[in-house]
Amino acid sequence: MAKTRELCKDIRDRIVDLHKAGMGYRTIGKQLGEKATTVGAIIRKWKKFKMTVNHPRFGAPCKISPRGASMIMRKVRDQPRTTRQDLVNDLKRAGTTVSKKTISNTLRRHGARKVPLLKPAHVQAHLKFANDHLDDPEQEWEEVIWSDETKIELFGLNSTHRVWRKKMDEYNPKNTISTVEHGGGNIIIWGCFSAKMTGRLHRIEGRMDGAMYSEILVNNLLPSVRALKMGRGWVFQYDNDLKHTARATKEWLRKKHLKVLEWPSQSPDLNPIENLWRELKVRIAKRQPQNLKDPEKDCMEEWTKIPAAVCANLVKNYRKRMIFVIVNKGFCTKC
């Protein structure tokens, strides 16, 4: 639903003059061919600001009207699995053409967030973890090695870049970013960190299974533990992905006598490495990689450059995550 047309200043002034003459909203509306609600809004604005012109605006006007935004929020509230394309189609049928990016901006502006689908069992496990570990001392979290995988898009964040340029200079190579169809590919990486600093980073080639995951742990987890000087009491954290819980992985962990942090499924908000992934992706985007070899090299370099203080603060403030989960009654929170 698009924004309605704005009345010119002459009509607004005439509405105010007729109001001063003692005419009601409906009478003014019939005489000028406008809705009574529109007349009322202009008069209320005149009473409050003593003016009929619009105040200066910042940025581009919203393509979606307040009524359209309310419709979107009502739809996602009633049907949480609604996709952005569904909402684009709904607005198009109502006469408004917008992109999925505009839908995302509207949802974020009104407090909606994309979170994992949680079943009742996930919510209960999520809440139980927070309650069980709420009073754990900070020193225990400092003994945890946090791990996960993520995907690095070759051109994933380049669309957010802006440049200053003169008119007719938009196609200067230094003012453009190369793009390719379908995003240009991506790489999958595994990484770990502790309160001390980041550990190793490893690029995953091909489809990962339990055997490959075990090999990654042998070649990267144990060396990271030694490099970080974790001592004997360290604890390994990993999520409940099928590759992580495969028989080969469990057998390897058992043989190595590793202590594992019991982890609730669908809980990325409880894993502070998600914050480091976000930091890494921003750093990679700034370097503007041109092929799939560049991101791997850039990832390795930028991962080691993440300050140790960032890692320490993520672990130091870990208790806040559990407080947020408890306040949110077990549902996902913003990590």
Foldseek 3Di string as FASTA:
>chain_A
DFDDDDDDQVLLVVLLVVVVVPDALVVSCVVVVHDSVVSVVQNVVCVVPVGRDDDDDPDDDQGADPVLLVVLVVVCVVPVVDALVNSQVVVVVVPGHDDSVSVVVSCVVVPHDDADDDDPVLLVVLLVVLVVCLPPDLVQQQQEKFKDKDKAFLQVPLVVDADDDDPPCCPPVVNDADADPPRQDIWMKMWIDGLQATFDIGTDDDDAAQVNVLVCCVVTVVVRCVVSVSPDPHEYEDADDRRCPDPSNVVSCVVVVHHYDDDRHRAPLLGLVVVVVVVLNVQSNVVNDDHHVVSVVSSRVVRRVPDSNVSNVSSVCSSVSSVVCVVVSRDYDHD
